[in-house]
Amino acid sequence: MPVTSLRKTCVRPSEVAKIKSKIKIKIKIKIKIKIKIKIKIKIKIKIKIKIKIKIKIKSKSKSKSKSKSKSKSKSKSVYSGDDNV
Protein backbone atom coordinates (compact mmCIF):
# COMPACT_ATOMS: atom_id res chain seq x y z
CA MET A 1 0.00 0.00 0.00
CA PRO A 2 1.28 3.42 -0.86
CA VAL A 3 1.74 5.97 1.89
CA THR A 4 -0.60 8.46 0.29
CA SER A 5 -3.55 6.18 0.82
CA LEU A 6 -3.12 6.49 4.58
CA ARG A 7 -3.67 10.27 4.51
CA LYS A 8 -7.05 11.87 4.73
CA THR A 9 -8.01 13.70 1.58
CA CYS A 10 -8.37 17.51 1.52
CA VAL A 11 -7.43 18.02 5.13
CA ARG A 12 -5.25 20.98 6.06
CA PRO A 13 -4.69 22.76 9.33
CA SER A 14 -6.97 25.69 10.06
CA GLU A 15 -3.91 27.90 10.55
CA VAL A 16 -2.94 27.44 6.92
CA ALA A 17 -6.44 28.34 5.82
CA LYS A 18 -6.39 31.48 7.96
CA ILE A 19 -3.03 32.55 6.57
CA LYS A 20 -4.14 32.00 2.99
CA SER A 21 -7.37 33.91 3.55
CA LYS A 22 -5.43 36.81 5.06
CA ILE A 23 -3.12 36.84 2.05
CA LYS A 24 -6.10 36.87 -0.31
CA ILE A 25 -7.70 39.75 1.60
CA LYS A 26 -4.46 41.75 1.46
CA ILE A 27 -4.20 41.17 -2.29
CA LYS A 28 -7.80 42.28 -2.81
CA ILE A 29 -7.19 45.43 -0.77
CA LYS A 30 -4.08 46.26 -2.81
CA ILE A 31 -6.02 45.80 -6.04
CA LYS A 32 -8.83 48.07 -4.80
CA ILE A 33 -6.31 50.74 -3.82
CA LYS A 34 -4.66 50.58 -7.25
CA ILE A 35 -8.05 50.92 -8.94
CA LYS A 36 -8.94 53.93 -6.78
CA ILE A 37 -5.62 55.58 -7.63
CA LYS A 38 -6.19 55.02 -11.35
CA ILE A 39 -9.68 56.51 -11.10
CA LYS A 40 -8.34 59.57 -9.26
CA ILE A 41 -5.67 60.06 -11.93
CA LYS A 42 -8.27 59.83 -14.70
CA ILE A 43 -10.46 62.39 -12.93
CA LYS A 44 -7.52 64.78 -12.53
CA ILE A 45 -6.69 64.43 -16.23
CA LYS A 46 -10.30 65.16 -17.19
CA ILE A 47 -10.34 68.25 -14.96
CA LYS A 48 -7.10 69.51 -16.52
CA ILE A 49 -8.53 69.02 -20.01
CA LYS A 50 -11.71 70.91 -19.08
CA ILE A 51 -9.64 73.78 -17.66
CA LYS A 52 -7.55 73.95 -20.84
CA ILE A 53 -10.71 74.04 -22.96
CA LYS A 54 -12.15 76.85 -20.82
CA ILE A 55 -8.92 78.83 -21.16
CA LYS A 56 -8.97 78.39 -24.94
CA ILE A 57 -12.60 79.52 -25.11
CA LYS A 58 -11.84 82.57 -22.97
CA SER A 59 -8.82 83.51 -25.07
CA LYS A 60 -10.88 83.13 -28.27
CA SER A 61 -13.69 85.27 -26.87
CA LYS A 62 -11.17 87.92 -25.75
CA SER A 63 -9.56 88.00 -29.18
CA LYS A 64 -13.00 88.25 -30.82
CA SER A 65 -14.03 91.08 -28.50
CA LYS A 66 -10.77 92.91 -29.22
CA SER A 67 -11.25 92.55 -32.96
CA LYS A 68 -14.88 93.72 -32.64
CA SER A 69 -13.85 96.75 -30.59
CA LYS A 70 -11.14 97.59 -33.14
CA SER A 71 -13.58 97.30 -36.03
CA LYS A 72 -16.14 99.44 -34.16
CA SER A 73 -13.54 102.13 -33.44
CA LYS A 74 -12.47 102.11 -37.10
CA SER A 75 -16.07 102.41 -38.29
CA LYS A 76 -16.72 105.26 -35.85
CA SER A 77 -13.66 107.14 -37.09
CA VAL A 78 -14.82 106.69 -40.70
CA TYR A 79 -18.30 108.01 -39.87
CA SER A 80 -16.93 110.97 -37.95
CA GLY A 81 -14.70 111.80 -40.92
CA ASP A 82 -17.73 111.79 -43.28
CA ASP A 83 -19.60 114.24 -41.07
CA ASN A 84 -16.79 116.78 -41.34
CA VAL A 85 -16.78 116.64 -45.15
C-alpha atoms as a PDB file:
ATOM      1  CA  MET A   1       0.000   0.000   0.000  1.00  0.00           C
ATOM      2  CA  PRO A   2       1.278   3.424  -0.862  1.00  0.00           C
ATOM      3  CA  VAL A   3       1.745   5.965   1.891  1.00  0.00           C
ATOM      4  CA  THR A   4      -0.604   8.463   0.286  1.00  0.00           C
ATOM      5  CA  SER A   5      -3.554   6.176   0.818  1.00  0.00           C
ATOM      6  CA  LEU A   6      -3.122   6.492   4.580  1.00  0.00           C
ATOM      7  CA  ARG A   7      -3.671  10.271   4.508  1.00  0.00           C
ATOM      8  CA  LYS A   8      -7.054  11.872   4.725  1.00  0.00           C
ATOM      9  CA  THR A   9      -8.013  13.701   1.581  1.00  0.00           C
ATOM     10  CA  CYS A  10      -8.369  17.505   1.523  1.00  0.00           C
ATOM     11  CA  VAL A  11      -7.427  18.024   5.135  1.00  0.00           C
ATOM     12  CA  ARG A  12      -5.253  20.979   6.062  1.00  0.00           C
ATOM     13  CA  PRO A  13      -4.687  22.762   9.328  1.00  0.00           C
ATOM     14  CA  SER A  14      -6.968  25.687  10.065  1.00  0.00           C
ATOM     15  CA  GLU A  15      -3.907  27.897  10.547  1.00  0.00           C
ATOM     16  CA  VAL A  16      -2.936  27.436   6.921  1.00  0.00           C
ATOM     17  CA  ALA A  17      -6.441  28.338   5.819  1.00  0.00           C
ATOM     18  CA  LYS A  18      -6.391  31.484   7.963  1.00  0.00           C
ATOM     19  CA  ILE A  19      -3.029  32.553   6.574  1.00  0.00           C
ATOM     20  CA  LYS A  20      -4.143  32.000   2.993  1.00  0.00           C
ATOM     21  CA  SER A  21      -7.373  33.906   3.551  1.00  0.00           C
ATOM     22  CA  LYS A  22      -5.429  36.812   5.064  1.00  0.00           C
ATOM     23  CA  ILE A  23      -3.124  36.841   2.052  1.00  0.00           C
ATOM     24  CA  LYS A  24      -6.101  36.867  -0.309  1.00  0.00           C
ATOM     25  CA  ILE A  25      -7.696  39.746   1.601  1.00  0.00           C
ATOM     26  CA  LYS A  26      -4.464  41.754   1.459  1.00  0.00           C
ATOM     27  CA  ILE A  27      -4.198  41.169  -2.287  1.00  0.00           C
ATOM     28  CA  LYS A  28      -7.804  42.278  -2.810  1.00  0.00           C
ATOM     29  CA  ILE A  29      -7.192  45.434  -0.767  1.00  0.00           C
ATOM     30  CA  LYS A  30      -4.081  46.260  -2.807  1.00  0.00           C
ATOM     31  CA  ILE A  31      -6.020  45.795  -6.041  1.00  0.00           C
ATOM     32  CA  LYS A  32      -8.826  48.066  -4.802  1.00  0.00           C
ATOM     33  CA  ILE A  33      -6.310  50.745  -3.820  1.00  0.00           C
ATOM     34  CA  LYS A  34      -4.665  50.584  -7.249  1.00  0.00           C
ATOM     35  CA  ILE A  35      -8.052  50.917  -8.940  1.00  0.00           C
ATOM     36  CA  LYS A  36      -8.942  53.929  -6.779  1.00  0.00           C
ATOM     37  CA  ILE A  37      -5.623  55.585  -7.630  1.00  0.00           C
ATOM     38  CA  LYS A  38      -6.190  55.021 -11.350  1.00  0.00           C
ATOM     39  CA  ILE A  39      -9.681  56.510 -11.099  1.00  0.00           C
ATOM     40  CA  LYS A  40      -8.343  59.571  -9.262  1.00  0.00           C
ATOM     41  CA  ILE A  41      -5.672  60.063 -11.926  1.00  0.00           C
ATOM     42  CA  LYS A  42      -8.271  59.834 -14.700  1.00  0.00           C
ATOM     43  CA  ILE A  43     -10.465  62.392 -12.926  1.00  0.00           C
ATOM     44  CA  LYS A  44      -7.515  64.776 -12.529  1.00  0.00           C
ATOM     45  CA  ILE A  45      -6.688  64.434 -16.229  1.00  0.00           C
ATOM     46  CA  LYS A  46     -10.302  65.163 -17.193  1.00  0.00           C
ATOM     47  CA  ILE A  47     -10.336  68.245 -14.965  1.00  0.00           C
ATOM     48  CA  LYS A  48      -7.098  69.510 -16.519  1.00  0.00           C
ATOM     49  CA  ILE A  49      -8.533  69.019 -20.012  1.00  0.00           C
ATOM     50  CA  LYS A  50     -11.706  70.915 -19.077  1.00  0.00           C
ATOM     51  CA  ILE A  51      -9.638  73.779 -17.661  1.00  0.00           C
ATOM     52  CA  LYS A  52      -7.553  73.946 -20.843  1.00  0.00           C
ATOM     53  CA  ILE A  53     -10.713  74.039 -22.962  1.00  0.00           C
ATOM     54  CA  LYS A  54     -12.153  76.850 -20.823  1.00  0.00           C
ATOM     55  CA  ILE A  55      -8.918  78.832 -21.155  1.00  0.00           C
ATOM     56  CA  LYS A  56      -8.971  78.390 -24.943  1.00  0.00           C
ATOM     57  CA  ILE A  57     -12.599  79.516 -25.112  1.00  0.00           C
ATOM     58  CA  LYS A  58     -11.842  82.572 -22.966  1.00  0.00           C
ATOM     59  CA  SER A  59      -8.822  83.509 -25.068  1.00  0.00           C
ATOM     60  CA  LYS A  60     -10.876  83.132 -28.268  1.00  0.00           C
ATOM     61  CA  SER A  61     -13.685  85.266 -26.865  1.00  0.00           C
ATOM     62  CA  LYS A  62     -11.174  87.919 -25.753  1.00  0.00           C
ATOM     63  CA  SER A  63      -9.556  88.005 -29.180  1.00  0.00           C
ATOM     64  CA  LYS A  64     -12.996  88.252 -30.820  1.00  0.00           C
ATOM     65  CA  SER A  65     -14.034  91.078 -28.498  1.00  0.00           C
ATOM     66  CA  LYS A  66     -10.770  92.910 -29.215  1.00  0.00           C
ATOM     67  CA  SER A  67     -11.248  92.547 -32.961  1.00  0.00           C
ATOM     68  CA  LYS A  68     -14.876  93.715 -32.643  1.00  0.00           C
ATOM     69  CA  SER A  69     -13.848  96.754 -30.593  1.00  0.00           C
ATOM     70  CA  LYS A  70     -11.137  97.590 -33.143  1.00  0.00           C
ATOM     71  CA  SER A  71     -13.582  97.299 -36.034  1.00  0.00           C
ATOM     72  CA  LYS A  72     -16.137  99.437 -34.162  1.00  0.00           C
ATOM     73  CA  SER A  73     -13.544 102.130 -33.441  1.00  0.00           C
ATOM     74  CA  LYS A  74     -12.473 102.114 -37.099  1.00  0.00           C
ATOM     75  CA  SER A  75     -16.069 102.407 -38.293  1.00  0.00           C
ATOM     76  CA  LYS A  76     -16.717 105.261 -35.847  1.00  0.00           C
ATOM     77  CA  SER A  77     -13.661 107.143 -37.089  1.00  0.00           C
ATOM     78  CA  VAL A  78     -14.816 106.692 -40.697  1.00  0.00           C
ATOM     79  CA  TYR A  79     -18.298 108.010 -39.873  1.00  0.00           C
ATOM     80  CA  SER A  80     -16.934 110.968 -37.950  1.00  0.00           C
ATOM     81  CA  GLY A  81     -14.699 111.798 -40.917  1.00  0.00           C
ATOM     82  CA  ASP A  82     -17.729 111.785 -43.279  1.00  0.00           C
ATOM     83  CA  ASP A  83     -19.604 114.236 -41.066  1.00  0.00           C
ATOM     84  CA  ASN A  84     -16.790 116.779 -41.341  1.00  0.00           C
ATOM     85  CA  VAL A  85     -16.783 116.637 -45.148  1.00  0.00           C
END
